[in-house]
Structures are given as structure tokens and as C-alpha cells.
Amino acid sequence: MGEAYVERWELVSICHPGASSYSREYKNRFESLMLTSIWAPDLPPDRDVEFRIDLIPGTAPVSKRPYRMAPDELKELKIQLQEQLDKGFIRPSSSPWGCPALFVEKKDRGGKRLVWTTGR
């Protein structure tokens, strides 16, 4: 287990003296899996590639009229957004940039899936 994990959870490991070199060898390999499974179990593991969107300096957000949403869809939107916030998939933002959120029928099971669209 990683040192940060052990320190955070105050874990004590008792094992065979020769096992410590073995555990150090695999420490980094399993530490990320363990921490990911604790904090956000549904997220994929971290990748070596970071993504970002470079904006042109001085560019203003595109102004569009908000989509109308039925009251039951608005209620479902709030529920799904809260679930994604709780799981750590999304985080609160005060950015003026945004994108529409739509619901799409699921093919294999009942219900609707929340989709963000970034097209114009």
C-alpha cells in the first residue's frame, strides 16, 4: 500500500520481513487502483495524457436561449447532476461557458441518459 494511503487511514501492516521489497515493487501499481476505488469507484484509472481546451484570449461565450425542459425532466436533471457530483464525475463551476444538457432514451434498458452536447 502507498505511504500516503497508510498515513491517511493510519493502517499498520504486519507481514514477513522479505515481503516488504515485494510490496514496494508493486506499490505504485496498486496504490492508484485502491485510491480510485475508494474515492470514485466508477471512474477509470488516471491516464498519462491530460486534456485541455485552449481558448482564444478575449473570446466571449456564445449566447443562446436556454432549452425549455418539462418539470419531470428538470427534476431528473437535478437528481442525475447530484449523483454525478457525489461520485466526483463533475464539480461545481462558476464559468460563463457551458453547454446544453439533454436526455436520450437508453437502448437496452428503460430510462433516460443525461448527455451534454457541445455542438452549435
PDB file of N, CA and C in Angstrom:
ATOM      1  N   MET A   1       0.834  -1.175   0.000  1.00  0.00           N
ATOM      2  CA  MET A   1       0.000   0.000   0.000  1.00  0.00           C
ATOM      3  C   MET A   1       0.878   1.236   0.000  1.00  0.00           C
ATOM      4  N   GLY A   2       0.383   2.297  -0.595  1.00  0.00           N
ATOM      5  CA  GLY A   2       1.143   3.534  -0.646  1.00  0.00           C
ATOM      6  C   GLY A   2       1.253   4.187   0.717  1.00  0.00           C
ATOM      7  N   GLU A   3       2.341   4.910   0.900  1.00  0.00           N
ATOM      8  CA  GLU A   3       2.568   5.568   2.189  1.00  0.00           C
ATOM      9  C   GLU A   3       1.472   6.583   2.500  1.00  0.00           C
ATOM     10  N   ALA A   4       1.053   7.337   1.489  1.00  0.00           N
ATOM     11  CA  ALA A   4       0.002   8.339   1.710  1.00  0.00           C
ATOM     12  C   ALA A   4      -1.294   7.662   2.154  1.00  0.00           C
ATOM     13  N   TYR A   5      -1.597   6.530   1.542  1.00  0.00           N
ATOM     14  CA  TYR A   5      -2.805   5.788   1.903  1.00  0.00           C
ATOM     15  C   TYR A   5      -2.708   5.284   3.340  1.00  0.00           C
ATOM     16  N   VAL A   6      -1.545   4.735   3.678  1.00  0.00           N
ATOM     17  CA  VAL A   6      -1.341   4.206   5.029  1.00  0.00           C
ATOM     18  C   VAL A   6      -1.435   5.326   6.057  1.00  0.00           C
ATOM     19  N   GLU A   7      -0.807   6.476   5.751  1.00  0.00           N
ATOM     20  CA  GLU A   7      -0.853   7.602   6.685  1.00  0.00           C
ATOM     21  C   GLU A   7      -2.274   8.130   6.841  1.00  0.00           C
ATOM     22  N   ARG A   8      -2.990   8.254   5.733  1.00  0.00           N
ATOM     23  CA  ARG A   8      -4.343   8.805   5.791  1.00  0.00           C
ATOM     24  C   ARG A   8      -5.256   7.923   6.633  1.00  0.00           C
ATOM     25  N   TRP A   9      -5.148   6.632   6.482  1.00  0.00           N
ATOM     26  CA  TRP A   9      -6.056   5.719   7.172  1.00  0.00           C
ATOM     27  C   TRP A   9      -5.420   5.082   8.415  1.00  0.00           C
ATOM     28  N   GLU A  10      -4.206   5.520   8.749  1.00  0.00           N
ATOM     29  CA  GLU A  10      -3.494   5.026   9.928  1.00  0.00           C
ATOM     30  C   GLU A  10      -3.467   3.501   9.969  1.00  0.00           C
ATOM     31  N   LEU A  11      -3.057   2.905   8.859  1.00  0.00           N
ATOM     32  CA  LEU A  11      -3.006   1.453   8.764  1.00  0.00           C
ATOM     33  C   LEU A  11      -1.678   0.926   9.283  1.00  0.00           C
ATOM     34  N   VAL A  12      -1.708  -0.245   9.841  1.00  0.00           N
ATOM     35  CA  VAL A  12      -0.499  -0.920  10.295  1.00  0.00           C
ATOM     36  C   VAL A  12      -0.425  -2.233   9.544  1.00  0.00           C
ATOM     37  N   SER A  13       0.725  -2.504   8.935  1.00  0.00           N
ATOM     38  CA  SER A  13       0.903  -3.721   8.165  1.00  0.00           C
ATOM     39  C   SER A  13       1.888  -4.633   8.879  1.00  0.00           C
ATOM     40  N   ILE A  14       1.481  -5.855   9.129  1.00  0.00           N
ATOM     41  CA  ILE A  14       2.361  -6.843   9.741  1.00  0.00           C
ATOM     42  C   ILE A  14       2.529  -7.955   8.720  1.00  0.00           C
ATOM     43  N   CYS A  15       3.767  -8.153   8.255  1.00  0.00           N
ATOM     44  CA  CYS A  15       3.996  -9.176   7.251  1.00  0.00           C
ATOM     45  C   CYS A  15       5.399  -9.761   7.412  1.00  0.00           C
ATOM     46  N   HIS A  16       5.700 -10.720   6.603  1.00  0.00           N
ATOM     47  CA  HIS A  16       7.009 -11.374   6.601  1.00  0.00           C
ATOM     48  C   HIS A  16       8.069 -10.349   6.221  1.00  0.00           C
ATOM     49  N   PRO A  17       9.262 -10.361   6.882  1.00  0.00           N
ATOM     50  CA  PRO A  17      10.301  -9.363   6.583  1.00  0.00           C
ATOM     51  C   PRO A  17      10.686  -9.292   5.109  1.00  0.00           C
ATOM     52  N   GLY A  18      10.675 -10.412   4.408  1.00  0.00           N
ATOM     53  CA  GLY A  18      11.043 -10.410   2.993  1.00  0.00           C
ATOM     54  C   GLY A  18       9.959  -9.858   2.092  1.00  0.00           C
ATOM     55  N   ALA A  19       8.770  -9.712   2.613  1.00  0.00           N
ATOM     56  CA  ALA A  19       7.646  -9.246   1.801  1.00  0.00           C
ATOM     57  C   ALA A  19       7.693  -7.747   1.543  1.00  0.00           C
ATOM     58  N   SER A  20       8.467  -6.988   2.325  1.00  0.00           N
ATOM     59  CA  SER A  20       8.480  -5.538   2.146  1.00  0.00           C
ATOM     60  C   SER A  20       9.051  -5.132   0.795  1.00  0.00           C
ATOM     61  N   SER A  21      10.089  -5.830   0.304  1.00  0.00           N
ATOM     62  CA  SER A  21      10.642  -5.486  -1.013  1.00  0.00           C
ATOM     63  C   SER A  21       9.633  -5.811  -2.110  1.00  0.00           C
ATOM     64  N   TYR A  22       8.906  -6.906  -1.922  1.00  0.00           N
ATOM     65  CA  TYR A  22       7.873  -7.281  -2.882  1.00  0.00           C
ATOM     66  C   TYR A  22       6.761  -6.235  -2.904  1.00  0.00           C
ATOM     67  N   SER A  23       6.348  -5.774  -1.727  1.00  0.00           N
ATOM     68  CA  SER A  23       5.265  -4.797  -1.671  1.00  0.00           C
ATOM     69  C   SER A  23       5.697  -3.453  -2.240  1.00  0.00           C
ATOM     70  N   ARG A  24       6.967  -3.063  -2.038  1.00  0.00           N
ATOM     71  CA  ARG A  24       7.445  -1.804  -2.624  1.00  0.00           C
ATOM     72  C   ARG A  24       7.427  -1.867  -4.141  1.00  0.00           C
ATOM     73  N   GLU A  25       7.746  -3.043  -4.670  1.00  0.00           N
ATOM     74  CA  GLU A  25       7.796  -3.213  -6.125  1.00  0.00           C
ATOM     75  C   GLU A  25       6.429  -2.952  -6.766  1.00  0.00           C
ATOM     76  N   TYR A  26       5.368  -3.368  -6.093  1.00  0.00           N
ATOM     77  CA  TYR A  26       4.028  -3.230  -6.653  1.00  0.00           C
ATOM     78  C   TYR A  26       3.230  -2.076  -6.058  1.00  0.00           C
ATOM     79  N   LYS A  27       3.885  -1.297  -5.206  1.00  0.00           N
ATOM     80  CA  LYS A  27       3.198  -0.201  -4.516  1.00  0.00           C
ATOM     81  C   LYS A  27       2.495   0.746  -5.485  1.00  0.00           C
ATOM     82  N   ASN A  28       3.249   1.289  -6.433  1.00  0.00           N
ATOM     83  CA  ASN A  28       2.676   2.269  -7.357  1.00  0.00           C
ATOM     84  C   ASN A  28       1.610   1.652  -8.245  1.00  0.00           C
ATOM     85  N   ARG A  29       1.779   0.399  -8.570  1.00  0.00           N
ATOM     86  CA  ARG A  29       0.839  -0.260  -9.460  1.00  0.00           C
ATOM     87  C   ARG A  29      -0.556  -0.372  -8.829  1.00  0.00           C
ATOM     88  N   PHE A  30      -0.596  -0.680  -7.546  1.00  0.00           N
ATOM     89  CA  PHE A  30      -1.874  -0.908  -6.883  1.00  0.00           C
ATOM     90  C   PHE A  30      -2.402   0.302  -6.121  1.00  0.00           C
ATOM     91  N   GLU A  31      -1.528   1.227  -5.775  1.00  0.00           N
ATOM     92  CA  GLU A  31      -1.969   2.387  -4.998  1.00  0.00           C
ATOM     93  C   GLU A  31      -3.025   3.184  -5.749  1.00  0.00           C
ATOM     94  N   SER A  32      -2.782   3.438  -7.033  1.00  0.00           N
ATOM     95  CA  SER A  32      -3.747   4.235  -7.791  1.00  0.00           C
ATOM     96  C   SER A  32      -5.082   3.507  -7.913  1.00  0.00           C
ATOM     97  N   LEU A  33      -5.039   2.190  -8.060  1.00  0.00           N
ATOM     98  CA  LEU A  33      -6.290   1.434  -8.145  1.00  0.00           C
ATOM     99  C   LEU A  33      -7.066   1.504  -6.839  1.00  0.00           C
ATOM    100  N   MET A  34      -6.365   1.397  -5.730  1.00  0.00           N
ATOM    101  CA  MET A  34      -7.035   1.413  -4.435  1.00  0.00           C
ATOM    102  C   MET A  34      -7.644   2.774  -4.140  1.00  0.00           C
ATOM    103  N   LEU A  35      -6.892   3.838  -4.383  1.00  0.00           N
ATOM    104  CA  LEU A  35      -7.413   5.169  -4.094  1.00  0.00           C
ATOM    105  C   LEU A  35      -8.577   5.512  -5.006  1.00  0.00           C
ATOM    106  N   THR A  36      -8.466   5.122  -6.282  1.00  0.00           N
ATOM    107  CA  THR A  36      -9.555   5.379  -7.216  1.00  0.00           C
ATOM    108  C   THR A  36     -10.803   4.618  -6.788  1.00  0.00           C
ATOM    109  N   SER A  37     -10.626   3.376  -6.363  1.00  0.00           N
ATOM    110  CA  SER A  37     -11.799   2.584  -5.998  1.00  0.00           C
ATOM    111  C   SER A  37     -12.464   3.110  -4.730  1.00  0.00           C
ATOM    112  N   ILE A  38     -11.707   3.788  -3.864  1.00  0.00           N
ATOM    113  CA  ILE A  38     -12.291   4.336  -2.641  1.00  0.00           C
ATOM    114  C   ILE A  38     -13.026   5.636  -2.927  1.00  0.00           C
ATOM    115  N   TRP A  39     -12.369   6.570  -3.619  1.00  0.00           N
ATOM    116  CA  TRP A  39     -12.936   7.910  -3.797  1.00  0.00           C
ATOM    117  C   TRP A  39     -13.954   7.982  -4.919  1.00  0.00           C
ATOM    118  N   ALA A  40     -13.712   7.322  -6.019  1.00  0.00           N
ATOM    119  CA  ALA A  40     -14.637   7.368  -7.156  1.00  0.00           C
ATOM    120  C   ALA A  40     -14.601   6.013  -7.854  1.00  0.00           C
ATOM    121  N   PRO A  41     -15.329   5.023  -7.355  1.00  0.00           N
ATOM    122  CA  PRO A  41     -15.222   3.661  -7.871  1.00  0.00           C
ATOM    123  C   PRO A  41     -15.652   3.497  -9.325  1.00  0.00           C
ATOM    124  N   ASP A  42     -16.459   4.402  -9.850  1.00  0.00           N
ATOM    125  CA  ASP A  42     -16.937   4.252 -11.219  1.00  0.00           C
ATOM    126  C   ASP A  42     -16.057   4.949 -12.247  1.00  0.00           C
ATOM    127  N   LEU A  43     -15.027   5.655 -11.797  1.00  0.00           N
ATOM    128  CA  LEU A  43     -14.144   6.354 -12.724  1.00  0.00           C
ATOM    129  C   LEU A  43     -13.052   5.426 -13.240  1.00  0.00           C
ATOM    130  N   PRO A  44     -12.619   5.607 -14.494  1.00  0.00           N
ATOM    131  CA  PRO A  44     -11.483   4.822 -14.983  1.00  0.00           C
ATOM    132  C   PRO A  44     -10.202   5.306 -14.308  1.00  0.00           C
ATOM    133  N   PRO A  45      -9.127   4.515 -14.349  1.00  0.00           N
ATOM    134  CA  PRO A  45      -7.871   4.948 -13.729  1.00  0.00           C
ATOM    135  C   PRO A  45      -7.297   6.171 -14.444  1.00  0.00           C
ATOM    136  N   ASP A  46      -6.437   6.917 -13.750  1.00  0.00           N
ATOM    137  CA  ASP A  46      -5.800   8.090 -14.344  1.00  0.00           C
ATOM    138  C   ASP A  46      -4.972   7.683 -15.553  1.00  0.00           C
ATOM    139  N   ARG A  47      -4.932   8.541 -16.532  1.00  0.00           N
ATOM    140  CA  ARG A  47      -4.144   8.300 -17.744  1.00  0.00           C
ATOM    141  C   ARG A  47      -2.937   9.233 -17.746  1.00  0.00           C
ATOM    142  N   ASP A  48      -1.960   8.922 -18.596  1.00  0.00           N
ATOM    143  CA  ASP A  48      -0.770   9.759 -18.707  1.00  0.00           C
ATOM    144  C   ASP A  48      -1.021  11.003 -19.552  1.00  0.00           C
ATOM    145  N   VAL A  49      -2.158  11.061 -20.234  1.00  0.00           N
ATOM    146  CA  VAL A  49      -2.475  12.169 -21.123  1.00  0.00           C
ATOM    147  C   VAL A  49      -3.426  13.130 -20.415  1.00  0.00           C
ATOM    148  N   GLU A  50      -3.129  14.422 -20.482  1.00  0.00           N
ATOM    149  CA  GLU A  50      -4.034  15.426 -19.929  1.00  0.00           C
ATOM    150  C   GLU A  50      -4.664  16.190 -21.084  1.00  0.00           C
ATOM    151  N   PHE A  51      -5.944  16.483 -20.948  1.00  0.00           N
ATOM    152  CA  PHE A  51      -6.659  17.206 -21.989  1.00  0.00           C
ATOM    153  C   PHE A  51      -7.013  18.595 -21.500  1.00  0.00           C
ATOM    154  N   ARG A  52      -7.032  19.526 -22.428  1.00  0.00           N
ATOM    155  CA  ARG A  52      -7.473  20.873 -22.093  1.00  0.00           C
ATOM    156  C   ARG A  52      -7.987  21.535 -23.364  1.00  0.00           C
ATOM    157  N   ILE A  53      -8.761  22.565 -23.178  1.00  0.00           N
ATOM    158  CA  ILE A  53      -9.286  23.332 -24.305  1.00  0.00           C
ATOM    159  C   ILE A  53      -8.660  24.713 -24.224  1.00  0.00           C
ATOM    160  N   ASP A  54      -7.861  25.050 -25.224  1.00  0.00           N
ATOM    161  CA  ASP A  54      -7.233  26.368 -25.265  1.00  0.00           C
ATOM    162  C   ASP A  54      -8.203  27.352 -25.913  1.00  0.00           C
ATOM    163  N   LEU A  55      -8.548  28.381 -25.170  1.00  0.00           N
ATOM    164  CA  LEU A  55      -9.464  29.399 -25.676  1.00  0.00           C
ATOM    165  C   LEU A  55      -8.684  30.564 -26.258  1.00  0.00           C
ATOM    166  N   ILE A  56      -9.264  31.208 -27.234  1.00  0.00           N
ATOM    167  CA  ILE A  56      -8.652  32.396 -27.816  1.00  0.00           C
ATOM    168  C   ILE A  56      -8.848  33.535 -26.823  1.00  0.00           C
ATOM    169  N   PRO A  57      -7.776  34.235 -26.444  1.00  0.00           N
ATOM    170  CA  PRO A  57      -7.911  35.319 -25.458  1.00  0.00           C
ATOM    171  C   PRO A  57      -8.946  36.359 -25.892  1.00  0.00           C
ATOM    172  N   GLY A  58      -9.773  36.780 -24.957  1.00  0.00           N
ATOM    173  CA  GLY A  58     -10.782  37.799 -25.231  1.00  0.00           C
ATOM    174  C   GLY A  58     -12.067  37.269 -25.840  1.00  0.00           C
ATOM    175  N   THR A  59     -12.143  35.966 -26.084  1.00  0.00           N
ATOM    176  CA  THR A  59     -13.346  35.387 -26.668  1.00  0.00           C
ATOM    177  C   THR A  59     -14.472  35.369 -25.640  1.00  0.00           C
ATOM    178  N   ALA A  60     -15.648  35.791 -26.059  1.00  0.00           N
ATOM    179  CA  ALA A  60     -16.815  35.797 -25.164  1.00  0.00           C
ATOM    180  C   ALA A  60     -17.636  34.530 -25.396  1.00  0.00           C
ATOM    181  N   PRO A  61     -18.331  34.046 -24.379  1.00  0.00           N
ATOM    182  CA  PRO A  61     -19.196  32.878 -24.565  1.00  0.00           C
ATOM    183  C   PRO A  61     -20.302  33.162 -25.580  1.00  0.00           C
ATOM    184  N   VAL A  62     -20.693  32.128 -26.315  1.00  0.00           N
ATOM    185  CA  VAL A  62     -21.782  32.252 -27.274  1.00  0.00           C
ATOM    186  C   VAL A  62     -23.083  32.327 -26.485  1.00  0.00           C
ATOM    187  N   SER A  63     -23.899  33.308 -26.809  1.00  0.00           N
ATOM    188  CA  SER A  63     -25.157  33.487 -26.080  1.00  0.00           C
ATOM    189  C   SER A  63     -26.284  32.797 -26.838  1.00  0.00           C
ATOM    190  N   LYS A  64     -26.911  31.822 -26.197  1.00  0.00           N
ATOM    191  CA  LYS A  64     -28.053  31.129 -26.787  1.00  0.00           C
ATOM    192  C   LYS A  64     -29.173  31.050 -25.769  1.00  0.00           C
ATOM    193  N   ARG A  65     -30.385  31.032 -26.265  1.00  0.00           N
ATOM    194  CA  ARG A  65     -31.548  30.912 -25.397  1.00  0.00           C
ATOM    195  C   ARG A  65     -31.542  29.525 -24.733  1.00  0.00           C
ATOM    196  N   PRO A  66     -31.853  29.436 -23.442  1.00  0.00           N
ATOM    197  CA  PRO A  66     -31.892  28.128 -22.778  1.00  0.00           C
ATOM    198  C   PRO A  66     -32.987  27.235 -23.364  1.00  0.00           C
ATOM    199  N   TYR A  67     -32.719  25.937 -23.365  1.00  0.00           N
ATOM    200  CA  TYR A  67     -33.729  24.980 -23.806  1.00  0.00           C
ATOM    201  C   TYR A  67     -34.829  24.890 -22.757  1.00  0.00           C
ATOM    202  N   ARG A  68     -36.053  24.734 -23.222  1.00  0.00           N
ATOM    203  CA  ARG A  68     -37.160  24.515 -22.288  1.00  0.00           C
ATOM    204  C   ARG A  68     -37.120  23.052 -21.865  1.00  0.00           C
ATOM    205  N   MET A  69     -37.435  22.820 -20.602  1.00  0.00           N
ATOM    206  CA  MET A  69     -37.417  21.465 -20.082  1.00  0.00           C
ATOM    207  C   MET A  69     -38.684  21.243 -19.267  1.00  0.00           C
ATOM    208  N   ALA A  70     -39.309  20.101 -19.482  1.00  0.00           N
ATOM    209  CA  ALA A  70     -40.518  19.755 -18.727  1.00  0.00           C
ATOM    210  C   ALA A  70     -40.165  19.609 -17.246  1.00  0.00           C
ATOM    211  N   PRO A  71     -41.122  19.872 -16.351  1.00  0.00           N
ATOM    212  CA  PRO A  71     -40.838  19.773 -14.912  1.00  0.00           C
ATOM    213  C   PRO A  71     -40.277  18.417 -14.478  1.00  0.00           C
ATOM    214  N   ASP A  72     -40.799  17.311 -15.049  1.00  0.00           N
ATOM    215  CA  ASP A  72     -40.277  15.996 -14.667  1.00  0.00           C
ATOM    216  C   ASP A  72     -38.842  15.803 -15.160  1.00  0.00           C
ATOM    217  N   GLU A  73     -38.515  16.356 -16.341  1.00  0.00           N
ATOM    218  CA  GLU A  73     -37.135  16.276 -16.835  1.00  0.00           C
ATOM    219  C   GLU A  73     -36.203  17.140 -15.989  1.00  0.00           C
ATOM    220  N   LEU A  74     -36.674  18.309 -15.566  1.00  0.00           N
ATOM    221  CA  LEU A  74     -35.864  19.177 -14.717  1.00  0.00           C
ATOM    222  C   LEU A  74     -35.564  18.496 -13.382  1.00  0.00           C
ATOM    223  N   LYS A  75     -36.569  17.811 -12.842  1.00  0.00           N
ATOM    224  CA  LYS A  75     -36.375  17.070 -11.587  1.00  0.00           C
ATOM    225  C   LYS A  75     -35.333  15.964 -11.782  1.00  0.00           C
ATOM    226  N   GLU A  76     -35.450  15.218 -12.883  1.00  0.00           N
ATOM    227  CA  GLU A  76     -34.488  14.147 -13.186  1.00  0.00           C
ATOM    228  C   GLU A  76     -33.090  14.714 -13.424  1.00  0.00           C
ATOM    229  N   LEU A  77     -33.010  15.868 -14.072  1.00  0.00           N
ATOM    230  CA  LEU A  77     -31.717  16.523 -14.297  1.00  0.00           C
ATOM    231  C   LEU A  77     -31.032  16.828 -12.968  1.00  0.00           C
ATOM    232  N   LYS A  78     -31.778  17.385 -12.035  1.00  0.00           N
ATOM    233  CA  LYS A  78     -31.209  17.710 -10.722  1.00  0.00           C
ATOM    234  C   LYS A  78     -30.731  16.454  -9.997  1.00  0.00           C
ATOM    235  N   ILE A  79     -31.494  15.375 -10.097  1.00  0.00           N
ATOM    236  CA  ILE A  79     -31.107  14.114  -9.451  1.00  0.00           C
ATOM    237  C   ILE A  79     -29.815  13.574 -10.059  1.00  0.00           C
ATOM    238  N   GLN A  80     -29.751  13.534 -11.401  1.00  0.00           N
ATOM    239  CA  GLN A  80     -28.567  12.983 -12.062  1.00  0.00           C
ATOM    240  C   GLN A  80     -27.341  13.861 -11.848  1.00  0.00           C
ATOM    241  N   LEU A  81     -27.521  15.178 -11.848  1.00  0.00           N
ATOM    242  CA  LEU A  81     -26.387  16.067 -11.584  1.00  0.00           C
ATOM    243  C   LEU A  81     -25.857  15.861 -10.168  1.00  0.00           C
ATOM    244  N   GLN A  82     -26.758  15.708  -9.209  1.00  0.00           N
ATOM    245  CA  GLN A  82     -26.328  15.482  -7.826  1.00  0.00           C
ATOM    246  C   GLN A  82     -25.579  14.159  -7.696  1.00  0.00           C
ATOM    247  N   GLU A  83     -26.058  13.112  -8.390  1.00  0.00           N
ATOM    248  CA  GLU A  83     -25.370  11.815  -8.368  1.00  0.00           C
ATOM    249  C   GLU A  83     -23.959  11.948  -8.926  1.00  0.00           C
ATOM    250  N   GLN A  84     -23.822  12.689 -10.029  1.00  0.00           N
ATOM    251  CA  GLN A  84     -22.504  12.844 -10.642  1.00  0.00           C
ATOM    252  C   GLN A  84     -21.592  13.713  -9.788  1.00  0.00           C
ATOM    253  N   LEU A  85     -22.142  14.695  -9.108  1.00  0.00           N
ATOM    254  CA  LEU A  85     -21.356  15.488  -8.152  1.00  0.00           C
ATOM    255  C   LEU A  85     -20.871  14.608  -7.003  1.00  0.00           C
ATOM    256  N   ASP A  86     -21.765  13.783  -6.463  1.00  0.00           N
ATOM    257  CA  ASP A  86     -21.422  12.909  -5.343  1.00  0.00           C
ATOM    258  C   ASP A  86     -20.338  11.900  -5.712  1.00  0.00           C
ATOM    259  N   LYS A  87     -20.359  11.400  -6.951  1.00  0.00           N
ATOM    260  CA  LYS A  87     -19.372  10.415  -7.396  1.00  0.00           C
ATOM    261  C   LYS A  87     -18.053  11.060  -7.805  1.00  0.00           C
ATOM    262  N   GLY A  88     -18.039  12.380  -7.950  1.00  0.00           N
ATOM    263  CA  GLY A  88     -16.817  13.064  -8.345  1.00  0.00           C
ATOM    264  C   GLY A  88     -16.607  13.143  -9.845  1.00  0.00           C
ATOM    265  N   PHE A  89     -17.636  12.800 -10.636  1.00  0.00           N
ATOM    266  CA  PHE A  89     -17.517  12.880 -12.091  1.00  0.00           C
ATOM    267  C   PHE A  89     -17.479  14.326 -12.566  1.00  0.00           C
ATOM    268  N   ILE A  90     -18.209  15.195 -11.889  1.00  0.00           N
ATOM    269  CA  ILE A  90     -18.263  16.611 -12.232  1.00  0.00           C
ATOM    270  C   ILE A  90     -18.025  17.417 -10.972  1.00  0.00           C
ATOM    271  N   ARG A  91     -17.772  18.707 -11.142  1.00  0.00           N
ATOM    272  CA  ARG A  91     -17.594  19.584  -9.985  1.00  0.00           C
ATOM    273  C   ARG A  91     -18.268  20.920 -10.276  1.00  0.00           C
ATOM    274  N   PRO A  92     -18.623  21.650  -9.228  1.00  0.00           N
ATOM    275  CA  PRO A  92     -19.269  22.953  -9.424  1.00  0.00           C
ATOM    276  C   PRO A  92     -18.348  23.909 -10.183  1.00  0.00           C
ATOM    277  N   SER A  93     -18.949  24.777 -10.969  1.00  0.00           N
ATOM    278  CA  SER A  93     -18.179  25.733 -11.757  1.00  0.00           C
ATOM    279  C   SER A  93     -18.906  27.071 -11.792  1.00  0.00           C
ATOM    280  N   SER A  94     -18.126  28.139 -11.829  1.00  0.00           N
ATOM    281  CA  SER A  94     -18.706  29.472 -11.974  1.00  0.00           C
ATOM    282  C   SER A  94     -18.346  30.060 -13.336  1.00  0.00           C
ATOM    283  N   SER A  95     -17.914  29.205 -14.246  1.00  0.00           N
ATOM    284  CA  SER A  95     -17.509  29.641 -15.578  1.00  0.00           C
ATOM    285  C   SER A  95     -18.711  30.145 -16.374  1.00  0.00           C
ATOM    286  N   PRO A  96     -18.522  31.198 -17.177  1.00  0.00           N
ATOM    287  CA  PRO A  96     -19.618  31.662 -18.029  1.00  0.00           C
ATOM    288  C   PRO A  96     -19.859  30.721 -19.213  1.00  0.00           C
ATOM    289  N   TRP A  97     -18.920  29.809 -19.465  1.00  0.00           N
ATOM    290  CA  TRP A  97     -19.060  28.856 -20.552  1.00  0.00           C
ATOM    291  C   TRP A  97     -19.891  27.673 -20.074  1.00  0.00           C
ATOM    292  N   GLY A  98     -20.653  27.103 -20.967  1.00  0.00           N
ATOM    293  CA  GLY A  98     -21.473  25.952 -20.612  1.00  0.00           C
ATOM    294  C   GLY A  98     -21.940  25.243 -21.866  1.00  0.00           C
ATOM    295  N   CYS A  99     -22.738  24.219 -21.693  1.00  0.00           N
ATOM    296  CA  CYS A  99     -23.297  23.501 -22.830  1.00  0.00           C
ATOM    297  C   CYS A  99     -24.654  22.938 -22.435  1.00  0.00           C
ATOM    298  N   PRO A 100     -25.516  22.723 -23.417  1.00  0.00           N
ATOM    299  CA  PRO A 100     -26.850  22.204 -23.114  1.00  0.00           C
ATOM    300  C   PRO A 100     -26.795  20.770 -22.586  1.00  0.00           C
ATOM    301  N   ALA A 101     -27.708  20.444 -21.708  1.00  0.00           N
ATOM    302  CA  ALA A 101     -27.858  19.080 -21.196  1.00  0.00           C
ATOM    303  C   ALA A 101     -29.177  18.531 -21.724  1.00  0.00           C
ATOM    304  N   LEU A 102     -29.120  17.366 -22.343  1.00  0.00           N
ATOM    305  CA  LEU A 102     -30.301  16.746 -22.934  1.00  0.00           C
ATOM    306  C   LEU A 102     -30.453  15.330 -22.402  1.00  0.00           C
ATOM    307  N   PHE A 103     -31.647  14.778 -22.502  1.00  0.00           N
ATOM    308  CA  PHE A 103     -31.883  13.388 -22.134  1.00  0.00           C
ATOM    309  C   PHE A 103     -32.086  12.570 -23.396  1.00  0.00           C
ATOM    310  N   VAL A 104     -31.485  11.377 -23.417  1.00  0.00           N
ATOM    311  CA  VAL A 104     -31.609  10.458 -24.542  1.00  0.00           C
ATOM    312  C   VAL A 104     -32.117   9.129 -23.992  1.00  0.00           C
ATOM    313  N   GLU A 105     -33.082   8.536 -24.693  1.00  0.00           N
ATOM    314  CA  GLU A 105     -33.616   7.235 -24.266  1.00  0.00           C
ATOM    315  C   GLU A 105     -32.514   6.182 -24.331  1.00  0.00           C
ATOM    316  N   LYS A 106     -32.432   5.340 -23.305  1.00  0.00           N
ATOM    317  CA  LYS A 106     -31.467   4.242 -23.287  1.00  0.00           C
ATOM    318  C   LYS A 106     -31.975   3.127 -24.197  1.00  0.00           C
ATOM    319  N   LYS A 107     -31.078   2.523 -24.978  1.00  0.00           N
ATOM    320  CA  LYS A 107     -31.484   1.484 -25.919  1.00  0.00           C
ATOM    321  C   LYS A 107     -31.829   0.169 -25.230  1.00  0.00           C
ATOM    322  N   ASP A 108     -30.969  -0.262 -24.305  1.00  0.00           N
ATOM    323  CA  ASP A 108     -31.138  -1.589 -23.733  1.00  0.00           C
ATOM    324  C   ASP A 108     -32.012  -1.638 -22.488  1.00  0.00           C
ATOM    325  N   ARG A 109     -32.135  -0.533 -21.760  1.00  0.00           N
ATOM    326  CA  ARG A 109     -32.967  -0.532 -20.551  1.00  0.00           C
ATOM    327  C   ARG A 109     -33.835   0.714 -20.545  1.00  0.00           C
ATOM    328  N   GLY A 110     -34.810   0.693 -19.689  1.00  0.00           N
ATOM    329  CA  GLY A 110     -35.688   1.849 -19.584  1.00  0.00           C
ATOM    330  C   GLY A 110     -34.972   3.033 -18.970  1.00  0.00           C
ATOM    331  N   GLY A 111     -35.572   4.171 -19.086  1.00  0.00           N
ATOM    332  CA  GLY A 111     -34.993   5.373 -18.501  1.00  0.00           C
ATOM    333  C   GLY A 111     -34.289   6.227 -19.532  1.00  0.00           C
ATOM    334  N   LYS A 112     -33.747   7.314 -19.044  1.00  0.00           N
ATOM    335  CA  LYS A 112     -33.058   8.250 -19.925  1.00  0.00           C
ATOM    336  C   LYS A 112     -31.650   8.494 -19.420  1.00  0.00           C
ATOM    337  N   ARG A 113     -30.763   8.800 -20.347  1.00  0.00           N
ATOM    338  CA  ARG A 113     -29.372   9.067 -20.024  1.00  0.00           C
ATOM    339  C   ARG A 113     -29.115  10.547 -20.251  1.00  0.00           C
ATOM    340  N   LEU A 114     -28.383  11.161 -19.335  1.00  0.00           N
ATOM    341  CA  LEU A 114     -28.049  12.578 -19.441  1.00  0.00           C
ATOM    342  C   LEU A 114     -26.873  12.744 -20.394  1.00  0.00           C
ATOM    343  N   VAL A 115     -27.008  13.661 -21.358  1.00  0.00           N
ATOM    344  CA  VAL A 115     -25.967  13.894 -22.357  1.00  0.00           C
ATOM    345  C   VAL A 115     -25.717  15.387 -22.458  1.00  0.00           C
ATOM    346  N   TRP A 116     -24.436  15.765 -22.485  1.00  0.00           N
ATOM    347  CA  TRP A 116     -24.073  17.155 -22.733  1.00  0.00           C
ATOM    348  C   TRP A 116     -23.673  17.262 -24.182  1.00  0.00           C
ATOM    349  N   THR A 117     -24.169  18.291 -24.849  1.00  0.00           N
ATOM    350  CA  THR A 117     -23.818  18.486 -26.247  1.00  0.00           C
ATOM    351  C   THR A 117     -23.017  19.773 -26.386  1.00  0.00           C
ATOM    352  N   THR A 118     -21.935  19.710 -27.152  1.00  0.00           N
ATOM    353  CA  THR A 118     -21.097  20.892 -27.339  1.00  0.00           C
ATOM    354  C   THR A 118     -21.176  21.419 -28.757  1.00  0.00           C
ATOM    355  N   GLY A 119     -22.054  20.846 -29.579  1.00  0.00           N
ATOM    356  CA  GLY A 119     -22.214  21.313 -30.947  1.00  0.00           C
ATOM    357  C   GLY A 119     -22.951  22.632 -31.002  1.00  0.00           C
ATOM    358  N   ARG A 120     -22.880  23.287 -32.141  1.00  0.00           N
ATOM    359  CA  ARG A 120     -23.571  24.576 -32.289  1.00  0.00           C
ATOM    360  C   ARG A 120     -24.960  24.399 -32.791  1.00  0.00           C
TER     361      ARG A 120
END
